[in-house]
């Protein structure tokens, strides 16, 4: 796709640096962008359009508010009669799941390829068109949901999000969380 731009002082390399800054929050000044004129142009653009929030803050807001969520992680607890006794659903974003976790990337790619990727009307989507990724609560305990999502969105592990368990030691809880992280191929949580 060809994009024509006529912004005085902004060449292709500087424009690329500006996009990199907007997406990552990192300002690299290489080549053309290293000149004082280029830095002046970047400052002028930031004054005119504003400076983006840090990525971690934006991702936190997306996680906590569910804004533009297009997927849901769903935990189903099987009942004694064979049906679902209880369900917990957490809104999230396909792009974050796919970018941060090979397991979820594979699930999303398979569901998209099979046509059950959230177009509504099938068992794989909510009425609003969200992709439902159902996890077995017997394999991935629902009490780990918030820790798991926080690790995906913030690249940190906040163990204070684990609910106080009625049984078992803290070491057992950590080992179970580690096993879940390995199962889901979530290295940032497994470390």
C-alpha atoms as a PDB file:
ATOM      1  CA  UNK A   1       0.000   0.000   0.000  1.00  0.00           C
ATOM      2  CA  UNK A   2       1.406   3.373  -0.973  1.00  0.00           C
ATOM      3  CA  UNK A   3       0.965   6.243   1.439  1.00  0.00           C
ATOM      4  CA  UNK A   4       1.698   9.731   0.236  1.00  0.00           C
ATOM      5  CA  UNK A   5       2.555  12.225   2.941  1.00  0.00           C
ATOM      6  CA  UNK A   6       3.499  15.811   2.722  1.00  0.00           C
ATOM      7  CA  UNK A   7       4.732  16.777   6.164  1.00  0.00           C
ATOM      8  CA  UNK A   8       7.672  19.165   5.999  1.00  0.00           C
ATOM      9  CA  UNK A   9      10.745  17.650   7.654  1.00  0.00           C
ATOM     10  CA  UNK A  10       9.322  14.126   7.901  1.00  0.00           C
ATOM     11  CA  UNK A  11      10.932  11.565   5.607  1.00  0.00           C
ATOM     12  CA  UNK A  12      10.284   7.859   5.398  1.00  0.00           C
ATOM     13  CA  UNK A  13      12.906   6.931   8.003  1.00  0.00           C
ATOM     14  CA  UNK A  14      11.686   9.546  10.481  1.00  0.00           C
ATOM     15  CA  UNK A  15       8.090   8.468   9.906  1.00  0.00           C
ATOM     16  CA  UNK A  16       9.135   4.867  10.650  1.00  0.00           C
ATOM     17  CA  UNK A  17      10.802   6.021  13.864  1.00  0.00           C
ATOM     18  CA  UNK A  18       7.632   7.902  14.807  1.00  0.00           C
ATOM     19  CA  UNK A  19       5.495   4.775  14.259  1.00  0.00           C
ATOM     20  CA  UNK A  20       7.953   2.694  16.291  1.00  0.00           C
ATOM     21  CA  UNK A  21       7.676   5.242  19.096  1.00  0.00           C
ATOM     22  CA  UNK A  22       3.879   5.216  18.988  1.00  0.00           C
ATOM     23  CA  UNK A  23       3.735   1.415  19.158  1.00  0.00           C
ATOM     24  CA  UNK A  24       6.542   0.748  21.629  1.00  0.00           C
ATOM     25  CA  UNK A  25       7.159   3.979  23.505  1.00  0.00           C
ATOM     26  CA  UNK A  26      10.834   3.742  22.531  1.00  0.00           C
ATOM     27  CA  UNK A  27      12.348   6.628  20.638  1.00  0.00           C
ATOM     28  CA  UNK A  28      15.227   5.531  18.453  1.00  0.00           C
ATOM     29  CA  UNK A  29      17.128   8.263  16.713  1.00  0.00           C
ATOM     30  CA  UNK A  30      19.017   6.676  13.855  1.00  0.00           C
ATOM     31  CA  UNK A  31      20.122   8.060  10.548  1.00  0.00           C
ATOM     32  CA  UNK A  32      17.878  10.877   9.413  1.00  0.00           C
ATOM     33  CA  UNK A  33      16.096  10.982  12.764  1.00  0.00           C
ATOM     34  CA  UNK A  34      19.395  11.690  14.546  1.00  0.00           C
ATOM     35  CA  UNK A  35      19.626  15.183  13.120  1.00  0.00           C
ATOM     36  CA  UNK A  36      18.568  18.139  15.232  1.00  0.00           C
ATOM     37  CA  UNK A  37      16.009  19.116  12.575  1.00  0.00           C
ATOM     38  CA  UNK A  38      14.435  15.650  12.812  1.00  0.00           C
ATOM     39  CA  UNK A  39      14.320  15.815  16.604  1.00  0.00           C
ATOM     40  CA  UNK A  40      12.762  19.243  16.371  1.00  0.00           C
ATOM     41  CA  UNK A  41      10.124  17.847  14.016  1.00  0.00           C
ATOM     42  CA  UNK A  42       9.393  14.967  16.411  1.00  0.00           C
ATOM     43  CA  UNK A  43       8.988  17.414  19.282  1.00  0.00           C
ATOM     44  CA  UNK A  44       6.650  19.549  17.180  1.00  0.00           C
ATOM     45  CA  UNK A  45       4.571  16.495  16.255  1.00  0.00           C
ATOM     46  CA  UNK A  46       4.383  15.365  19.881  1.00  0.00           C
ATOM     47  CA  UNK A  47       3.202  18.837  20.922  1.00  0.00           C
ATOM     48  CA  UNK A  48       0.587  18.841  18.182  1.00  0.00           C
ATOM     49  CA  UNK A  49      -0.705  15.283  18.596  1.00  0.00           C
ATOM     50  CA  UNK A  50       0.250  14.497  22.162  1.00  0.00           C
ATOM     51  CA  UNK A  51       2.514  11.847  23.602  1.00  0.00           C
ATOM     52  CA  UNK A  52       1.098   8.344  23.969  1.00  0.00           C
ATOM     53  CA  UNK A  53       0.672   6.657  27.313  1.00  0.00           C
ATOM     54  CA  UNK A  54       3.189   3.973  28.181  1.00  0.00           C
ATOM     55  CA  UNK A  55       2.151   0.705  26.540  1.00  0.00           C
ATOM     56  CA  UNK A  56       1.849  -1.082  29.892  1.00  0.00           C
ATOM     57  CA  UNK A  57      -0.669   1.519  31.093  1.00  0.00           C
ATOM     58  CA  UNK A  58      -2.783   1.192  27.944  1.00  0.00           C
ATOM     59  CA  UNK A  59      -2.749  -2.600  28.173  1.00  0.00           C
ATOM     60  CA  UNK A  60      -3.731  -2.441  31.832  1.00  0.00           C
ATOM     61  CA  UNK A  61      -6.695  -0.212  30.982  1.00  0.00           C
ATOM     62  CA  UNK A  62      -7.729  -2.600  28.214  1.00  0.00           C
ATOM     63  CA  UNK A  63      -7.563  -5.564  30.579  1.00  0.00           C
ATOM     64  CA  UNK A  64      -9.340  -3.901  33.474  1.00  0.00           C
ATOM     65  CA  UNK A  65     -12.014  -2.197  31.383  1.00  0.00           C
ATOM     66  CA  UNK A  66     -12.535  -4.841  28.714  1.00  0.00           C
ATOM     67  CA  UNK A  67     -12.595  -2.026  26.148  1.00  0.00           C
ATOM     68  CA  UNK A  68     -12.780  -3.390  22.576  1.00  0.00           C
ATOM     69  CA  UNK A  69     -12.527  -6.967  23.867  1.00  0.00           C
ATOM     70  CA  UNK A  70     -13.012  -9.409  21.005  1.00  0.00           C
ATOM     71  CA  UNK A  71     -12.368 -12.625  22.926  1.00  0.00           C
ATOM     72  CA  UNK A  72     -13.215 -14.210  26.249  1.00  0.00           C
ATOM     73  CA  UNK A  73     -11.369 -16.763  28.315  1.00  0.00           C
ATOM     74  CA  UNK A  74     -14.079 -18.997  29.755  1.00  0.00           C
ATOM     75  CA  UNK A  75     -13.700 -21.495  32.560  1.00  0.00           C
ATOM     76  CA  UNK A  76     -16.344 -24.164  32.764  1.00  0.00           C
ATOM     77  CA  UNK A  77     -16.711 -26.232  35.920  1.00  0.00           C
ATOM     78  CA  UNK A  78     -18.395 -29.543  35.109  1.00  0.00           C
ATOM     79  CA  UNK A  79     -21.409 -30.411  37.225  1.00  0.00           C
ATOM     80  CA  UNK A  80     -22.290 -33.765  38.701  1.00  0.00           C
ATOM     81  CA  UNK A  81     -25.023 -34.348  36.089  1.00  0.00           C
ATOM     82  CA  UNK A  82     -22.631 -33.999  33.158  1.00  0.00           C
ATOM     83  CA  UNK A  83     -23.542 -30.384  32.370  1.00  0.00           C
ATOM     84  CA  UNK A  84     -21.791 -27.175  33.275  1.00  0.00           C
ATOM     85  CA  UNK A  85     -22.261 -26.263  36.910  1.00  0.00           C
ATOM     86  CA  UNK A  86     -20.547 -22.903  36.850  1.00  0.00           C
ATOM     87  CA  UNK A  87     -18.880 -20.653  34.320  1.00  0.00           C
ATOM     88  CA  UNK A  88     -16.443 -17.770  34.733  1.00  0.00           C
ATOM     89  CA  UNK A  89     -15.777 -15.496  31.773  1.00  0.00           C
ATOM     90  CA  UNK A  90     -13.018 -12.915  31.372  1.00  0.00           C
ATOM     91  CA  UNK A  91     -13.072 -10.465  28.427  1.00  0.00           C
ATOM     92  CA  UNK A  92      -9.745 -10.095  26.630  1.00  0.00           C
ATOM     93  CA  UNK A  93      -8.203  -9.315  23.248  1.00  0.00           C
ATOM     94  CA  UNK A  94      -7.226 -11.770  20.517  1.00  0.00           C
ATOM     95  CA  UNK A  95      -4.199  -9.714  19.506  1.00  0.00           C
ATOM     96  CA  UNK A  96      -2.784  -9.785  23.044  1.00  0.00           C
ATOM     97  CA  UNK A  97      -3.500 -13.491  23.516  1.00  0.00           C
ATOM     98  CA  UNK A  98      -1.923 -14.390  20.180  1.00  0.00           C
ATOM     99  CA  UNK A  99       1.096 -12.107  20.593  1.00  0.00           C
ATOM    100  CA  UNK A 100       1.928 -13.223  24.112  1.00  0.00           C
ATOM    101  CA  UNK A 101       1.099 -16.937  24.200  1.00  0.00           C
ATOM    102  CA  UNK A 102       1.846 -19.624  21.595  1.00  0.00           C
ATOM    103  CA  UNK A 103      -0.945 -21.820  22.998  1.00  0.00           C
ATOM    104  CA  UNK A 104      -3.607 -19.142  22.521  1.00  0.00           C
ATOM    105  CA  UNK A 105      -2.115 -18.146  19.147  1.00  0.00           C
ATOM    106  CA  UNK A 106      -2.642 -21.712  17.947  1.00  0.00           C
ATOM    107  CA  UNK A 107      -6.203 -21.842  19.284  1.00  0.00           C
ATOM    108  CA  UNK A 108      -7.095 -18.526  17.632  1.00  0.00           C
ATOM    109  CA  UNK A 109      -5.499 -19.518  14.315  1.00  0.00           C
ATOM    110  CA  UNK A 110      -7.313 -22.865  14.244  1.00  0.00           C
ATOM    111  CA  UNK A 111     -10.651 -21.280  15.142  1.00  0.00           C
ATOM    112  CA  UNK A 112     -10.200 -18.543  12.544  1.00  0.00           C
ATOM    113  CA  UNK A 113      -9.219 -21.055   9.857  1.00  0.00           C
ATOM    114  CA  UNK A 114     -12.210 -23.279  10.660  1.00  0.00           C
ATOM    115  CA  UNK A 115     -14.598 -20.338  10.472  1.00  0.00           C
ATOM    116  CA  UNK A 116     -15.608 -20.409  14.140  1.00  0.00           C
ATOM    117  CA  UNK A 117     -13.592 -17.350  15.026  1.00  0.00           C
ATOM    118  CA  UNK A 118     -16.275 -15.184  16.477  1.00  0.00           C
ATOM    119  CA  UNK A 119     -18.716 -14.441  13.700  1.00  0.00           C
ATOM    120  CA  UNK A 120     -21.577 -15.202  16.049  1.00  0.00           C
ATOM    121  CA  UNK A 121     -24.143 -17.935  16.035  1.00  0.00           C
ATOM    122  CA  UNK A 122     -21.799 -20.851  16.743  1.00  0.00           C
ATOM    123  CA  UNK A 123     -20.570 -22.374  19.965  1.00  0.00           C
ATOM    124  CA  UNK A 124     -17.235 -20.608  19.652  1.00  0.00           C
ATOM    125  CA  UNK A 125     -18.514 -17.066  19.939  1.00  0.00           C
ATOM    126  CA  UNK A 126     -20.596 -14.954  22.257  1.00  0.00           C
ATOM    127  CA  UNK A 127     -23.711 -13.243  20.894  1.00  0.00           C
ATOM    128  CA  UNK A 128     -21.585 -10.083  20.608  1.00  0.00           C
ATOM    129  CA  UNK A 129     -19.124 -11.882  18.333  1.00  0.00           C
ATOM    130  CA  UNK A 130     -16.370 -12.495  20.877  1.00  0.00           C
ATOM    131  CA  UNK A 131     -14.246 -15.563  20.379  1.00  0.00           C
ATOM    132  CA  UNK A 132     -14.804 -17.868  23.352  1.00  0.00           C
ATOM    133  CA  UNK A 133     -11.746 -19.820  24.427  1.00  0.00           C
ATOM    134  CA  UNK A 134     -13.030 -22.420  26.873  1.00  0.00           C
ATOM    135  CA  UNK A 135     -10.604 -23.795  29.430  1.00  0.00           C
ATOM    136  CA  UNK A 136     -11.245 -26.834  31.591  1.00  0.00           C
ATOM    137  CA  UNK A 137     -11.263 -25.715  35.216  1.00  0.00           C
ATOM    138  CA  UNK A 138      -9.942 -29.142  36.193  1.00  0.00           C
ATOM    139  CA  UNK A 139      -6.781 -28.526  34.163  1.00  0.00           C
ATOM    140  CA  UNK A 140      -6.416 -24.741  34.469  1.00  0.00           C
ATOM    141  CA  UNK A 141      -7.997 -23.697  37.779  1.00  0.00           C
ATOM    142  CA  UNK A 142     -10.170 -20.592  37.553  1.00  0.00           C
ATOM    143  CA  UNK A 143      -8.415 -19.139  40.611  1.00  0.00           C
ATOM    144  CA  UNK A 144      -5.374 -18.616  38.340  1.00  0.00           C
ATOM    145  CA  UNK A 145      -7.346 -16.606  35.756  1.00  0.00           C
ATOM    146  CA  UNK A 146      -6.441 -13.126  36.982  1.00  0.00           C
ATOM    147  CA  UNK A 147      -2.757 -13.991  37.464  1.00  0.00           C
ATOM    148  CA  UNK A 148      -2.681 -15.524  33.982  1.00  0.00           C
ATOM    149  CA  UNK A 149      -4.300 -12.508  32.312  1.00  0.00           C
ATOM    150  CA  UNK A 150      -2.123 -10.064  34.242  1.00  0.00           C
ATOM    151  CA  UNK A 151       1.001 -11.907  33.073  1.00  0.00           C
ATOM    152  CA  UNK A 152      -0.244 -11.785  29.468  1.00  0.00           C
ATOM    153  CA  UNK A 153      -1.034  -8.070  29.542  1.00  0.00           C
ATOM    154  CA  UNK A 154       1.662  -6.728  31.881  1.00  0.00           C
ATOM    155  CA  UNK A 155       4.532  -9.206  31.521  1.00  0.00           C
ATOM    156  CA  UNK A 156       4.745  -9.458  35.299  1.00  0.00           C
ATOM    157  CA  UNK A 157       3.457 -11.966  37.808  1.00  0.00           C
ATOM    158  CA  UNK A 158       1.340 -10.561  40.615  1.00  0.00           C
ATOM    159  CA  UNK A 159       0.854 -13.370  43.107  1.00  0.00           C
ATOM    160  CA  UNK A 160      -1.309 -11.149  45.289  1.00  0.00           C
ATOM    161  CA  UNK A 161      -4.051 -11.847  42.716  1.00  0.00           C
ATOM    162  CA  UNK A 162      -4.191 -15.465  43.834  1.00  0.00           C
ATOM    163  CA  UNK A 163      -7.193 -15.926  46.084  1.00  0.00           C
ATOM    164  CA  UNK A 164      -6.442 -17.118  49.597  1.00  0.00           C
ATOM    165  CA  UNK A 165      -6.644 -20.863  49.295  1.00  0.00           C
ATOM    166  CA  UNK A 166      -8.405 -22.864  51.925  1.00  0.00           C
ATOM    167  CA  UNK A 167      -6.086 -25.836  51.593  1.00  0.00           C
ATOM    168  CA  UNK A 168      -2.595 -26.525  50.381  1.00  0.00           C
ATOM    169  CA  UNK A 169       0.594 -24.641  50.933  1.00  0.00           C
ATOM    170  CA  UNK A 170       1.869 -21.605  49.100  1.00  0.00           C
ATOM    171  CA  UNK A 171       4.584 -23.774  47.546  1.00  0.00           C
ATOM    172  CA  UNK A 172       1.901 -26.125  46.156  1.00  0.00           C
ATOM    173  CA  UNK A 173       0.033 -23.135  44.746  1.00  0.00           C
ATOM    174  CA  UNK A 174       3.195 -21.879  43.026  1.00  0.00           C
ATOM    175  CA  UNK A 175       3.907 -25.317  41.575  1.00  0.00           C
ATOM    176  CA  UNK A 176       0.378 -25.562  40.204  1.00  0.00           C
ATOM    177  CA  UNK A 177       0.676 -22.100  38.665  1.00  0.00           C
ATOM    178  CA  UNK A 178       4.015 -23.112  37.148  1.00  0.00           C
ATOM    179  CA  UNK A 179       2.445 -26.233  35.632  1.00  0.00           C
ATOM    180  CA  UNK A 180      -0.376 -24.152  34.136  1.00  0.00           C
ATOM    181  CA  UNK A 181       2.183 -21.741  32.659  1.00  0.00           C
ATOM    182  CA  UNK A 182       4.113 -24.613  31.073  1.00  0.00           C
ATOM    183  CA  UNK A 183       0.908 -26.161  29.702  1.00  0.00           C
ATOM    184  CA  UNK A 184      -0.132 -22.855  28.119  1.00  0.00           C
ATOM    185  CA  UNK A 185       3.429 -22.146  26.926  1.00  0.00           C
ATOM    186  CA  UNK A 186       3.462 -18.892  28.867  1.00  0.00           C
ATOM    187  CA  UNK A 187       7.157 -18.408  29.596  1.00  0.00           C
ATOM    188  CA  UNK A 188       6.759 -15.050  31.351  1.00  0.00           C
ATOM    189  CA  UNK A 189       4.575 -16.736  33.970  1.00  0.00           C
ATOM    190  CA  UNK A 190       6.711 -19.872  34.238  1.00  0.00           C
ATOM    191  CA  UNK A 191       9.839 -17.878  35.079  1.00  0.00           C
END
